């Protein structure tokens, strides 16, 4: 019974997360270098999709978010987000990034500020 409940909780949290994938060329570099590149790409994906923490806003948020954060210093904390190597070939490494929008905190920017900016565009 405990296993079923835990599985359901884990499954429901996985459904609520957003999944992204990206490739890193396999140039014969060490796994340390590959992981550094994957970590940097993961941070960029989290930054570019942090607007998901605001929920459904009823407009195309992604393009407006990229414009909104340009040249701004913002602090984003994303707990329960991680990346994982999913495939390795002679040509590339494929990574998956899992983000839980409910666990993203954006400091220095409010939802209202973002909505107001987008409504002026």
PDB file of N, CA and C in Angstrom:
ATOM      1  N   UNK A   1       0.822  -1.194   0.000  1.00  0.00           N
ATOM      2  CA  UNK A   1       0.000   0.000   0.000  1.00  0.00           C
ATOM      3  C   UNK A   1       0.867   1.259   0.000  1.00  0.00           C
ATOM      4  N   UNK A   2       1.900   1.270   0.860  1.00  0.00           N
ATOM      5  CA  UNK A   2       2.782   2.423   0.928  1.00  0.00           C
ATOM      6  C   UNK A   2       3.489   2.641  -0.405  1.00  0.00           C
ATOM      7  N   UNK A   3       3.865   1.557  -1.067  1.00  0.00           N
ATOM      8  CA  UNK A   3       4.538   1.653  -2.356  1.00  0.00           C
ATOM      9  C   UNK A   3       3.623   2.284  -3.399  1.00  0.00           C
ATOM     10  N   UNK A   4       2.354   1.895  -3.400  1.00  0.00           N
ATOM     11  CA  UNK A   4       1.399   2.450  -4.361  1.00  0.00           C
ATOM     12  C   UNK A   4       1.201   3.944  -4.136  1.00  0.00           C
ATOM     13  N   UNK A   5       1.079   4.354  -2.884  1.00  0.00           N
ATOM     14  CA  UNK A   5       0.890   5.775  -2.579  1.00  0.00           C
ATOM     15  C   UNK A   5       2.118   6.570  -3.000  1.00  0.00           C
ATOM     16  N   UNK A   6       3.313   6.064  -2.670  1.00  0.00           N
ATOM     17  CA  UNK A   6       4.545   6.743  -3.055  1.00  0.00           C
ATOM     18  C   UNK A   6       4.650   6.840  -4.571  1.00  0.00           C
ATOM     19  N   UNK A   7       4.313   5.761  -5.279  1.00  0.00           N
ATOM     20  CA  UNK A   7       4.362   5.759  -6.739  1.00  0.00           C
ATOM     21  C   UNK A   7       3.401   6.792  -7.327  1.00  0.00           C
ATOM     22  N   UNK A   8       2.217   6.902  -6.760  1.00  0.00           N
ATOM     23  CA  UNK A   8       1.244   7.882  -7.237  1.00  0.00           C
ATOM     24  C   UNK A   8       1.723   9.311  -7.001  1.00  0.00           C
ATOM     25  N   UNK A   9       2.313   9.555  -5.844  1.00  0.00           N
ATOM     26  CA  UNK A   9       2.837  10.890  -5.548  1.00  0.00           C
ATOM     27  C   UNK A   9       3.971  11.224  -6.505  1.00  0.00           C
ATOM     28  N   UNK A  10       4.883  10.290  -6.708  1.00  0.00           N
ATOM     29  CA  UNK A  10       6.002  10.501  -7.626  1.00  0.00           C
ATOM     30  C   UNK A  10       5.497  10.720  -9.043  1.00  0.00           C
ATOM     31  N   UNK A  11       4.532   9.911  -9.476  1.00  0.00           N
ATOM     32  CA  UNK A  11       3.983  10.036 -10.817  1.00  0.00           C
ATOM     33  C   UNK A  11       3.274  11.374 -11.006  1.00  0.00           C
ATOM     34  N   UNK A  12       2.491  11.801 -10.023  1.00  0.00           N
ATOM     35  CA  UNK A  12       1.772  13.070 -10.151  1.00  0.00           C
ATOM     36  C   UNK A  12       2.736  14.255 -10.163  1.00  0.00           C
ATOM     37  N   UNK A  13       3.830  14.183  -9.425  1.00  0.00           N
ATOM     38  CA  UNK A  13       4.794  15.284  -9.458  1.00  0.00           C
ATOM     39  C   UNK A  13       5.542  15.292 -10.786  1.00  0.00           C
ATOM     40  N   UNK A  14       5.741  14.112 -11.394  1.00  0.00           N
ATOM     41  CA  UNK A  14       6.406  14.055 -12.699  1.00  0.00           C
ATOM     42  C   UNK A  14       5.525  14.671 -13.781  1.00  0.00           C
ATOM     43  N   UNK A  15       4.208  14.409 -13.706  1.00  0.00           N
ATOM     44  CA  UNK A  15       3.274  14.971 -14.686  1.00  0.00           C
ATOM     45  C   UNK A  15       3.261  16.491 -14.601  1.00  0.00           C
ATOM     46  N   UNK A  16       3.366  17.041 -13.402  1.00  0.00           N
ATOM     47  CA  UNK A  16       3.311  18.488 -13.215  1.00  0.00           C
ATOM     48  C   UNK A  16       4.584  19.179 -13.695  1.00  0.00           C
ATOM     49  N   UNK A  17       5.644  18.414 -13.911  1.00  0.00           N
ATOM     50  CA  UNK A  17       6.899  19.032 -14.318  1.00  0.00           C
ATOM     51  C   UNK A  17       6.929  19.268 -15.827  1.00  0.00           C
ATOM     52  N   UNK A  18       7.784  20.189 -16.212  1.00  0.00           N
ATOM     53  CA  UNK A  18       8.024  20.474 -17.624  1.00  0.00           C
ATOM     54  C   UNK A  18       9.307  19.760 -18.022  1.00  0.00           C
ATOM     55  N   UNK A  19       9.322  19.180 -19.205  1.00  0.00           N
ATOM     56  CA  UNK A  19      10.481  18.438 -19.673  1.00  0.00           C
ATOM     57  C   UNK A  19      11.056  19.089 -20.929  1.00  0.00           C
ATOM     58  N   UNK A  20      12.365  19.231 -20.943  1.00  0.00           N
ATOM     59  CA  UNK A  20      13.070  19.793 -22.080  1.00  0.00           C
ATOM     60  C   UNK A  20      14.254  18.885 -22.380  1.00  0.00           C
ATOM     61  N   UNK A  21      14.734  18.904 -23.597  1.00  0.00           N
ATOM     62  CA  UNK A  21      15.932  18.131 -23.912  1.00  0.00           C
ATOM     63  C   UNK A  21      16.856  18.978 -24.772  1.00  0.00           C
ATOM     64  N   UNK A  22      18.138  18.643 -24.720  1.00  0.00           N
ATOM     65  CA  UNK A  22      19.130  19.343 -25.520  1.00  0.00           C
ATOM     66  C   UNK A  22      20.293  18.404 -25.815  1.00  0.00           C
ATOM     67  N   UNK A  23      21.072  18.773 -26.824  1.00  0.00           N
ATOM     68  CA  UNK A  23      22.220  17.981 -27.248  1.00  0.00           C
ATOM     69  C   UNK A  23      23.510  18.742 -26.981  1.00  0.00           C
ATOM     70  N   UNK A  24      24.541  17.996 -26.651  1.00  0.00           N
ATOM     71  CA  UNK A  24      25.891  18.539 -26.546  1.00  0.00           C
ATOM     72  C   UNK A  24      26.761  17.682 -27.448  1.00  0.00           C
ATOM     73  N   UNK A  25      27.501  18.312 -28.369  1.00  0.00           N
ATOM     74  CA  UNK A  25      28.357  17.526 -29.264  1.00  0.00           C
ATOM     75  C   UNK A  25      29.380  16.701 -28.484  1.00  0.00           C
ATOM     76  N   UNK A  26      29.626  15.496 -28.950  1.00  0.00           N
ATOM     77  CA  UNK A  26      30.635  14.631 -28.356  1.00  0.00           C
ATOM     78  C   UNK A  26      31.927  14.847 -29.137  1.00  0.00           C
ATOM     79  N   UNK A  27      32.775  15.718 -28.616  1.00  0.00           N
ATOM     80  CA  UNK A  27      34.045  16.033 -29.265  1.00  0.00           C
ATOM     81  C   UNK A  27      35.208  15.312 -28.599  1.00  0.00           C
ATOM     82  N   UNK A  28      34.911  14.270 -27.831  1.00  0.00           N
ATOM     83  CA  UNK A  28      35.955  13.543 -27.133  1.00  0.00           C
ATOM     84  C   UNK A  28      36.373  14.214 -25.832  1.00  0.00           C
ATOM     85  N   UNK A  29      35.604  15.209 -25.382  1.00  0.00           N
ATOM     86  CA  UNK A  29      35.918  15.901 -24.132  1.00  0.00           C
ATOM     87  C   UNK A  29      35.626  14.992 -22.942  1.00  0.00           C
ATOM     88  N   UNK A  30      36.176  15.344 -21.793  1.00  0.00           N
ATOM     89  CA  UNK A  30      35.938  14.548 -20.587  1.00  0.00           C
ATOM     90  C   UNK A  30      34.486  14.719 -20.141  1.00  0.00           C
ATOM     91  N   UNK A  31      34.028  13.784 -19.308  1.00  0.00           N
ATOM     92  CA  UNK A  31      32.663  13.886 -18.787  1.00  0.00           C
ATOM     93  C   UNK A  31      32.511  15.100 -17.880  1.00  0.00           C
ATOM     94  N   UNK A  32      33.586  15.545 -17.239  1.00  0.00           N
ATOM     95  CA  UNK A  32      33.521  16.755 -16.411  1.00  0.00           C
ATOM     96  C   UNK A  32      33.156  17.955 -17.269  1.00  0.00           C
ATOM     97  N   UNK A  33      33.794  18.087 -18.407  1.00  0.00           N
ATOM     98  CA  UNK A  33      33.502  19.204 -19.324  1.00  0.00           C
ATOM     99  C   UNK A  33      32.082  19.077 -19.851  1.00  0.00           C
ATOM    100  N   UNK A  34      31.687  17.875 -20.209  1.00  0.00           N
ATOM    101  CA  UNK A  34      30.323  17.650 -20.704  1.00  0.00           C
ATOM    102  C   UNK A  34      29.299  18.028 -19.638  1.00  0.00           C
ATOM    103  N   UNK A  35      29.537  17.639 -18.396  1.00  0.00           N
ATOM    104  CA  UNK A  35      28.612  17.984 -17.310  1.00  0.00           C
ATOM    105  C   UNK A  35      28.584  19.477 -17.038  1.00  0.00           C
ATOM    106  N   UNK A  36      29.723  20.156 -17.158  1.00  0.00           N
ATOM    107  CA  UNK A  36      29.729  21.619 -17.010  1.00  0.00           C
ATOM    108  C   UNK A  36      28.887  22.283 -18.089  1.00  0.00           C
ATOM    109  N   UNK A  37      29.028  21.810 -19.319  1.00  0.00           N
ATOM    110  CA  UNK A  37      28.223  22.353 -20.426  1.00  0.00           C
ATOM    111  C   UNK A  37      26.740  22.058 -20.215  1.00  0.00           C
ATOM    112  N   UNK A  38      26.438  20.856 -19.734  1.00  0.00           N
ATOM    113  CA  UNK A  38      25.040  20.477 -19.486  1.00  0.00           C
ATOM    114  C   UNK A  38      24.452  21.319 -18.361  1.00  0.00           C
ATOM    115  N   UNK A  39      25.233  21.569 -17.335  1.00  0.00           N
ATOM    116  CA  UNK A  39      24.771  22.387 -16.217  1.00  0.00           C
ATOM    117  C   UNK A  39      24.476  23.818 -16.680  1.00  0.00           C
ATOM    118  N   UNK A  40      25.368  24.390 -17.473  1.00  0.00           N
ATOM    119  CA  UNK A  40      25.157  25.747 -17.992  1.00  0.00           C
ATOM    120  C   UNK A  40      23.914  25.809 -18.878  1.00  0.00           C
ATOM    121  N   UNK A  41      23.729  24.813 -19.717  1.00  0.00           N
ATOM    122  CA  UNK A  41      22.552  24.780 -20.592  1.00  0.00           C
ATOM    123  C   UNK A  41      21.274  24.615 -19.770  1.00  0.00           C
ATOM    124  N   UNK A  42      21.334  23.827 -18.701  1.00  0.00           N
ATOM    125  CA  UNK A  42      20.182  23.641 -17.824  1.00  0.00           C
ATOM    126  C   UNK A  42      19.789  24.949 -17.161  1.00  0.00           C
ATOM    127  N   UNK A  43      20.781  25.709 -16.656  1.00  0.00           N
ATOM    128  CA  UNK A  43      20.486  27.010 -16.049  1.00  0.00           C
ATOM    129  C   UNK A  43      19.834  27.949 -17.059  1.00  0.00           C
ATOM    130  N   UNK A  44      20.298  27.900 -18.288  1.00  0.00           N
ATOM    131  CA  UNK A  44      19.711  28.755 -19.327  1.00  0.00           C
ATOM    132  C   UNK A  44      18.258  28.347 -19.609  1.00  0.00           C
ATOM    133  N   UNK A  45      18.003  27.056 -19.656  1.00  0.00           N
ATOM    134  CA  UNK A  45      16.630  26.572 -19.887  1.00  0.00           C
ATOM    135  C   UNK A  45      15.727  26.991 -18.732  1.00  0.00           C
ATOM    136  N   UNK A  46      16.221  26.870 -17.510  1.00  0.00           N
ATOM    137  CA  UNK A  46      15.423  27.285 -16.346  1.00  0.00           C
ATOM    138  C   UNK A  46      15.149  28.778 -16.409  1.00  0.00           C
ATOM    139  N   UNK A  47      16.163  29.590 -16.709  1.00  0.00           N
ATOM    140  CA  UNK A  47      15.975  31.042 -16.810  1.00  0.00           C
ATOM    141  C   UNK A  47      14.960  31.381 -17.903  1.00  0.00           C
ATOM    142  N   UNK A  48      15.081  30.738 -19.061  1.00  0.00           N
ATOM    143  CA  UNK A  48      14.196  31.046 -20.186  1.00  0.00           C
ATOM    144  C   UNK A  48      12.765  30.569 -19.979  1.00  0.00           C
ATOM    145  N   UNK A  49      12.562  29.697 -19.006  1.00  0.00           N
ATOM    146  CA  UNK A  49      11.219  29.157 -18.765  1.00  0.00           C
ATOM    147  C   UNK A  49      10.708  29.416 -17.360  1.00  0.00           C
ATOM    148  N   UNK A  50      11.366  30.288 -16.633  1.00  0.00           N
ATOM    149  CA  UNK A  50      10.960  30.603 -15.256  1.00  0.00           C
ATOM    150  C   UNK A  50       9.564  31.230 -15.202  1.00  0.00           C
ATOM    151  N   UNK A  51       9.133  31.853 -16.281  1.00  0.00           N
ATOM    152  CA  UNK A  51       7.791  32.457 -16.329  1.00  0.00           C
ATOM    153  C   UNK A  51       6.703  31.413 -16.076  1.00  0.00           C
ATOM    154  N   UNK A  52       7.002  30.134 -16.278  1.00  0.00           N
ATOM    155  CA  UNK A  52       6.019  29.078 -16.033  1.00  0.00           C
ATOM    156  C   UNK A  52       5.565  29.051 -14.577  1.00  0.00           C
ATOM    157  N   UNK A  53       6.388  29.591 -13.688  1.00  0.00           N
ATOM    158  CA  UNK A  53       6.019  29.629 -12.271  1.00  0.00           C
ATOM    159  C   UNK A  53       4.841  30.569 -12.013  1.00  0.00           C
ATOM    160  N   UNK A  54       4.559  31.473 -12.945  1.00  0.00           N
ATOM    161  CA  UNK A  54       3.442  32.402 -12.801  1.00  0.00           C
ATOM    162  C   UNK A  54       2.102  31.756 -13.156  1.00  0.00           C
ATOM    163  N   UNK A  55       2.140  30.554 -13.715  1.00  0.00           N
ATOM    164  CA  UNK A  55       0.913  29.874 -14.123  1.00  0.00           C
ATOM    165  C   UNK A  55       0.457  30.347 -15.491  1.00  0.00           C
ATOM    166  N   UNK A  56      -0.749  29.945 -15.862  1.00  0.00           N
ATOM    167  CA  UNK A  56      -1.307  30.331 -17.158  1.00  0.00           C
ATOM    168  C   UNK A  56      -1.730  31.794 -17.103  1.00  0.00           C
ATOM    169  N   UNK A  57      -1.134  32.597 -17.956  1.00  0.00           N
ATOM    170  CA  UNK A  57      -1.411  34.037 -17.950  1.00  0.00           C
ATOM    171  C   UNK A  57      -2.381  34.454 -19.047  1.00  0.00           C
ATOM    172  N   UNK A  58      -2.719  33.540 -19.936  1.00  0.00           N
ATOM    173  CA  UNK A  58      -3.694  33.854 -20.975  1.00  0.00           C
ATOM    174  C   UNK A  58      -3.116  34.561 -22.190  1.00  0.00           C
ATOM    175  N   UNK A  59      -1.798  34.632 -22.280  1.00  0.00           N
ATOM    176  CA  UNK A  59      -1.175  35.212 -23.466  1.00  0.00           C
ATOM    177  C   UNK A  59       0.146  34.498 -23.727  1.00  0.00           C
ATOM    178  N   UNK A  60       0.739  34.754 -24.885  1.00  0.00           N
ATOM    179  CA  UNK A  60       2.001  34.106 -25.248  1.00  0.00           C
ATOM    180  C   UNK A  60       3.121  34.630 -24.356  1.00  0.00           C
ATOM    181  N   UNK A  61       3.351  33.955 -23.269  1.00  0.00           N
ATOM    182  CA  UNK A  61       4.290  34.416 -22.250  1.00  0.00           C
ATOM    183  C   UNK A  61       5.748  34.219 -22.642  1.00  0.00           C
ATOM    184  N   UNK A  62       6.054  33.177 -23.386  1.00  0.00           N
ATOM    185  CA  UNK A  62       7.449  32.821 -23.654  1.00  0.00           C
ATOM    186  C   UNK A  62       8.212  33.938 -24.366  1.00  0.00           C
ATOM    187  N   UNK A  63       7.661  34.452 -25.451  1.00  0.00           N
ATOM    188  CA  UNK A  63       8.353  35.511 -26.199  1.00  0.00           C
ATOM    189  C   UNK A  63       8.474  36.781 -25.367  1.00  0.00           C
ATOM    190  N   UNK A  64       7.429  37.110 -24.663  1.00  0.00           N
ATOM    191  CA  UNK A  64       7.449  38.312 -23.832  1.00  0.00           C
ATOM    192  C   UNK A  64       8.459  38.157 -22.693  1.00  0.00           C
ATOM    193  N   UNK A  65       8.548  36.960 -22.118  1.00  0.00           N
ATOM    194  CA  UNK A  65       9.488  36.707 -21.022  1.00  0.00           C
ATOM    195  C   UNK A  65      10.932  36.937 -21.478  1.00  0.00           C
ATOM    196  N   UNK A  66      11.278  36.428 -22.646  1.00  0.00           N
ATOM    197  CA  UNK A  66      12.649  36.591 -23.147  1.00  0.00           C
ATOM    198  C   UNK A  66      12.986  38.068 -23.343  1.00  0.00           C
ATOM    199  N   UNK A  67      12.022  38.840 -23.798  1.00  0.00           N
ATOM    200  CA  UNK A  67      12.213  40.286 -23.963  1.00  0.00           C
ATOM    201  C   UNK A  67      12.300  40.962 -22.592  1.00  0.00           C
ATOM    202  N   UNK A  68      11.451  40.536 -21.686  1.00  0.00           N
ATOM    203  CA  UNK A  68      11.356  41.129 -20.353  1.00  0.00           C
ATOM    204  C   UNK A  68      12.642  40.964 -19.543  1.00  0.00           C
ATOM    205  N   UNK A  69      13.280  39.808 -19.629  1.00  0.00           N
ATOM    206  CA  UNK A  69      14.470  39.553 -18.809  1.00  0.00           C
ATOM    207  C   UNK A  69      15.767  40.047 -19.447  1.00  0.00           C
ATOM    208  N   UNK A  70      15.684  40.516 -20.678  1.00  0.00           N
ATOM    209  CA  UNK A  70      16.879  40.995 -21.355  1.00  0.00           C
ATOM    210  C   UNK A  70      17.525  42.120 -20.552  1.00  0.00           C
ATOM    211  N   UNK A  71      18.828  42.005 -20.331  1.00  0.00           N
ATOM    212  CA  UNK A  71      19.627  43.009 -19.617  1.00  0.00           C
ATOM    213  C   UNK A  71      19.159  43.257 -18.187  1.00  0.00           C
ATOM    214  N   UNK A  72      18.530  42.261 -17.564  1.00  0.00           N
ATOM    215  CA  UNK A  72      18.099  42.378 -16.177  1.00  0.00           C
ATOM    216  C   UNK A  72      18.829  41.346 -15.334  1.00  0.00           C
ATOM    217  N   UNK A  73      19.180  41.759 -14.154  1.00  0.00           N
ATOM    218  CA  UNK A  73      19.763  40.820 -13.208  1.00  0.00           C
ATOM    219  C   UNK A  73      18.617  40.261 -12.369  1.00  0.00           C
ATOM    220  N   UNK A  74      18.387  38.975 -12.508  1.00  0.00           N
ATOM    221  CA  UNK A  74      17.328  38.331 -11.734  1.00  0.00           C
ATOM    222  C   UNK A  74      17.899  37.086 -11.059  1.00  0.00           C
ATOM    223  N   UNK A  75      17.310  36.751  -9.946  1.00  0.00           N
ATOM    224  CA  UNK A  75      17.712  35.561  -9.205  1.00  0.00           C
ATOM    225  C   UNK A  75      16.578  34.560  -9.274  1.00  0.00           C
ATOM    226  N   UNK A  76      16.906  33.374  -9.746  1.00  0.00           N
ATOM    227  CA  UNK A  76      15.905  32.320  -9.886  1.00  0.00           C
ATOM    228  C   UNK A  76      16.361  31.116  -9.076  1.00  0.00           C
ATOM    229  N   UNK A  77      15.482  30.635  -8.236  1.00  0.00           N
ATOM    230  CA  UNK A  77      15.760  29.425  -7.470  1.00  0.00           C
ATOM    231  C   UNK A  77      14.788  28.355  -7.950  1.00  0.00           C
ATOM    232  N   UNK A  78      15.333  27.240  -8.386  1.00  0.00           N
ATOM    233  CA  UNK A  78      14.498  26.164  -8.914  1.00  0.00           C
ATOM    234  C   UNK A  78      14.805  24.875  -8.165  1.00  0.00           C
ATOM    235  N   UNK A  79      14.024  24.604  -7.145  1.00  0.00           N
ATOM    236  CA  UNK A  79      14.204  23.338  -6.432  1.00  0.00           C
ATOM    237  C   UNK A  79      13.434  22.254  -7.181  1.00  0.00           C
ATOM    238  N   UNK A  80      13.821  21.032  -6.955  1.00  0.00           N
ATOM    239  CA  UNK A  80      13.211  19.876  -7.626  1.00  0.00           C
ATOM    240  C   UNK A  80      13.368  19.931  -9.146  1.00  0.00           C
ATOM    241  N   UNK A  81      14.384  20.608  -9.626  1.00  0.00           N
ATOM    242  CA  UNK A  81      14.707  20.633 -11.050  1.00  0.00           C
ATOM    243  C   UNK A  81      16.068  19.977 -11.220  1.00  0.00           C
ATOM    244  N   UNK A  82      16.201  19.218 -12.281  1.00  0.00           N
ATOM    245  CA  UNK A  82      17.470  18.531 -12.497  1.00  0.00           C
ATOM    246  C   UNK A  82      17.622  18.172 -13.971  1.00  0.00           C
ATOM    247  N   UNK A  83      18.849  17.800 -14.334  1.00  0.00           N
ATOM    248  CA  UNK A  83      19.108  17.306 -15.674  1.00  0.00           C
ATOM    249  C   UNK A  83      19.684  15.903 -15.582  1.00  0.00           C
ATOM    250  N   UNK A  84      19.532  15.166 -16.671  1.00  0.00           N
ATOM    251  CA  UNK A  84      19.949  13.773 -16.675  1.00  0.00           C
ATOM    252  C   UNK A  84      20.410  13.391 -18.076  1.00  0.00           C
ATOM    253  N   UNK A  85      21.508  12.674 -18.160  1.00  0.00           N
ATOM    254  CA  UNK A  85      21.987  12.149 -19.437  1.00  0.00           C
ATOM    255  C   UNK A  85      21.043  11.031 -19.872  1.00  0.00           C
ATOM    256  N   UNK A  86      20.455  11.167 -21.053  1.00  0.00           N
ATOM    257  CA  UNK A  86      19.495  10.161 -21.504  1.00  0.00           C
ATOM    258  C   UNK A  86      20.010   9.320 -22.657  1.00  0.00           C
ATOM    259  N   UNK A  87      20.990   9.848 -23.401  1.00  0.00           N
ATOM    260  CA  UNK A  87      21.501   9.092 -24.544  1.00  0.00           C
ATOM    261  C   UNK A  87      22.914   9.558 -24.868  1.00  0.00           C
ATOM    262  N   UNK A  88      23.757   8.612 -25.233  1.00  0.00           N
ATOM    263  CA  UNK A  88      25.133   8.940 -25.611  1.00  0.00           C
ATOM    264  C   UNK A  88      25.467   8.201 -26.897  1.00  0.00           C
ATOM    265  N   UNK A  89      25.927   8.942 -27.888  1.00  0.00           N
ATOM    266  CA  UNK A  89      26.367   8.331 -29.134  1.00  0.00           C
ATOM    267  C   UNK A  89      27.784   8.820 -29.427  1.00  0.00           C
ATOM    268  N   UNK A  90      28.312   8.402 -30.550  1.00  0.00           N
ATOM    269  CA  UNK A  90      29.641   8.878 -30.948  1.00  0.00           C
ATOM    270  C   UNK A  90      29.628  10.357 -31.316  1.00  0.00           C
ATOM    271  N   UNK A  91      28.452  10.904 -31.635  1.00  0.00           N
ATOM    272  CA  UNK A  91      28.351  12.288 -32.098  1.00  0.00           C
ATOM    273  C   UNK A  91      27.831  13.277 -31.063  1.00  0.00           C
ATOM    274  N   UNK A  92      27.030  12.794 -30.125  1.00  0.00           N
ATOM    275  CA  UNK A  92      26.425  13.734 -29.170  1.00  0.00           C
ATOM    276  C   UNK A  92      26.014  13.051 -27.876  1.00  0.00           C
ATOM    277  N   UNK A  93      25.778  13.911 -26.875  1.00  0.00           N
ATOM    278  CA  UNK A  93      25.160  13.509 -25.617  1.00  0.00           C
ATOM    279  C   UNK A  93      23.788  14.169 -25.593  1.00  0.00           C
ATOM    280  N   UNK A  94      22.770  13.414 -25.265  1.00  0.00           N
ATOM    281  CA  UNK A  94      21.433  13.985 -25.136  1.00  0.00           C
ATOM    282  C   UNK A  94      21.075  14.035 -23.652  1.00  0.00           C
ATOM    283  N   UNK A  95      20.654  15.213 -23.223  1.00  0.00           N
ATOM    284  CA  UNK A  95      20.250  15.418 -21.832  1.00  0.00           C
ATOM    285  C   UNK A  95      18.790  15.799 -21.776  1.00  0.00           C
ATOM    286  N   UNK A  96      18.132  15.437 -20.691  1.00  0.00           N
ATOM    287  CA  UNK A  96      16.767  15.871 -20.411  1.00  0.00           C
ATOM    288  C   UNK A  96      16.801  16.742 -19.165  1.00  0.00           C
ATOM    289  N   UNK A  97      15.994  17.800 -19.184  1.00  0.00           N
ATOM    290  CA  UNK A  97      15.878  18.705 -18.048  1.00  0.00           C
ATOM    291  C   UNK A  97      14.452  18.605 -17.546  1.00  0.00           C
ATOM    292  N   UNK A  98      14.311  18.453 -16.244  1.00  0.00           N
ATOM    293  CA  UNK A  98      13.002  18.373 -15.607  1.00  0.00           C
ATOM    294  C   UNK A  98      12.843  19.577 -14.690  1.00  0.00           C
ATOM    295  N   UNK A  99      11.798  20.351 -14.920  1.00  0.00           N
ATOM    296  CA  UNK A  99      11.537  21.562 -14.142  1.00  0.00           C
ATOM    297  C   UNK A  99      10.136  21.453 -13.556  1.00  0.00           C
ATOM    298  N   UNK A 100      10.028  21.734 -12.283  1.00  0.00           N
ATOM    299  CA  UNK A 100       8.715  21.801 -11.641  1.00  0.00           C
ATOM    300  C   UNK A 100       8.386  23.280 -11.451  1.00  0.00           C
ATOM    301  N   UNK A 101       7.502  23.848 -12.284  1.00  0.00           N
ATOM    302  CA  UNK A 101       7.193  25.281 -12.202  1.00  0.00           C
ATOM    303  C   UNK A 101       6.706  25.726 -10.829  1.00  0.00           C
ATOM    304  N   UNK A 102       6.064  24.835 -10.086  1.00  0.00           N
ATOM    305  CA  UNK A 102       5.579  25.199  -8.752  1.00  0.00           C
ATOM    306  C   UNK A 102       6.729  25.445  -7.778  1.00  0.00           C
ATOM    307  N   UNK A 103       7.903  24.936  -8.111  1.00  0.00           N
ATOM    308  CA  UNK A 103       9.056  25.079  -7.227  1.00  0.00           C
ATOM    309  C   UNK A 103      10.103  26.051  -7.774  1.00  0.00           C
ATOM    310  N   UNK A 104       9.660  26.955  -8.627  1.00  0.00           N
ATOM    311  CA  UNK A 104      10.552  28.007  -9.124  1.00  0.00           C
ATOM    312  C   UNK A 104      10.184  29.301  -8.410  1.00  0.00           C
ATOM    313  N   UNK A 105      11.192  29.933  -7.843  1.00  0.00           N
ATOM    314  CA  UNK A 105      11.010  31.215  -7.175  1.00  0.00           C
ATOM    315  C   UNK A 105      11.843  32.250  -7.914  1.00  0.00           C
ATOM    316  N   UNK A 106      11.195  33.335  -8.305  1.00  0.00           N
ATOM    317  CA  UNK A 106      11.887  34.422  -9.000  1.00  0.00           C
ATOM    318  C   UNK A 106      11.956  35.607  -8.053  1.00  0.00           C
ATOM    319  N   UNK A 107      13.163  35.982  -7.701  1.00  0.00           N
ATOM    320  CA  UNK A 107      13.334  37.147  -6.830  1.00  0.00           C
ATOM    321  C   UNK A 107      13.508  38.372  -7.719  1.00  0.00           C
ATOM    322  N   UNK A 108      13.200  39.522  -7.214  1.00  0.00           N
ATOM    323  CA  UNK A 108      13.379  40.801  -7.910  1.00  0.00           C
ATOM    324  C   UNK A 108      12.318  41.076  -8.971  1.00  0.00           C
ATOM    325  N   UNK A 109      11.425  40.130  -9.258  1.00  0.00           N
ATOM    326  CA  UNK A 109      10.398  40.333 -10.283  1.00  0.00           C
ATOM    327  C   UNK A 109       9.093  39.726  -9.783  1.00  0.00           C
ATOM    328  N   UNK A 110       8.011  40.483  -9.927  1.00  0.00           N
ATOM    329  CA  UNK A 110       6.707  39.954  -9.534  1.00  0.00           C
ATOM    330  C   UNK A 110       5.894  39.575 -10.771  1.00  0.00           C
ATOM    331  N   UNK A 111       4.911  38.734 -10.564  1.00  0.00           N
ATOM    332  CA  UNK A 111       4.008  38.334 -11.636  1.00  0.00           C
ATOM    333  C   UNK A 111       3.307  39.565 -12.217  1.00  0.00           C
ATOM    334  N   UNK A 112       2.882  40.477 -11.343  1.00  0.00           N
ATOM    335  CA  UNK A 112       2.170  41.679 -11.777  1.00  0.00           C
ATOM    336  C   UNK A 112       3.062  42.557 -12.661  1.00  0.00           C
ATOM    337  N   UNK A 113       4.322  42.682 -12.284  1.00  0.00           N
ATOM    338  CA  UNK A 113       5.273  43.474 -13.066  1.00  0.00           C
ATOM    339  C   UNK A 113       5.437  42.884 -14.464  1.00  0.00           C
ATOM    340  N   UNK A 114       5.527  41.565 -14.540  1.00  0.00           N
ATOM    341  CA  UNK A 114       5.677  40.884 -15.817  1.00  0.00           C
ATOM    342  C   UNK A 114       4.427  41.047 -16.685  1.00  0.00           C
ATOM    343  N   UNK A 115       3.255  40.843 -16.092  1.00  0.00           N
ATOM    344  CA  UNK A 115       1.994  40.982 -16.832  1.00  0.00           C
ATOM    345  C   UNK A 115       1.825  42.401 -17.349  1.00  0.00           C
ATOM    346  N   UNK A 116       2.156  43.377 -16.515  1.00  0.00           N
ATOM    347  CA  UNK A 116       2.045  44.792 -16.911  1.00  0.00           C
ATOM    348  C   UNK A 116       2.973  45.089 -18.100  1.00  0.00           C
ATOM    349  N   UNK A 117       4.201  44.589 -18.034  1.00  0.00           N
ATOM    350  CA  UNK A 117       5.166  44.791 -19.117  1.00  0.00           C
ATOM    351  C   UNK A 117       4.625  44.207 -20.420  1.00  0.00           C
ATOM    352  N   UNK A 118       4.092  42.992 -20.355  1.00  0.00           N
ATOM    353  CA  UNK A 118       3.593  42.326 -21.560  1.00  0.00           C
ATOM    354  C   UNK A 118       2.341  42.993 -22.111  1.00  0.00           C
ATOM    355  N   UNK A 119       1.535  43.569 -21.243  1.00  0.00           N
ATOM    356  CA  UNK A 119       0.319  44.226 -21.724  1.00  0.00           C
ATOM    357  C   UNK A 119       0.640  45.530 -22.459  1.00  0.00           C
ATOM    358  N   UNK A 120       1.802  46.087 -22.202  1.00  0.00           N
ATOM    359  CA  UNK A 120       2.218  47.315 -22.896  1.00  0.00           C
ATOM    360  C   UNK A 120       2.832  47.030 -24.255  1.00  0.00           C
ATOM    361  N   UNK A 121       3.167  45.797 -24.524  1.00  0.00           N
ATOM    362  CA  UNK A 121       3.792  45.417 -25.794  1.00  0.00           C
ATOM    363  C   UNK A 121       2.784  45.280 -26.893  1.00  0.00           C
TER     364      UNK A 121
END
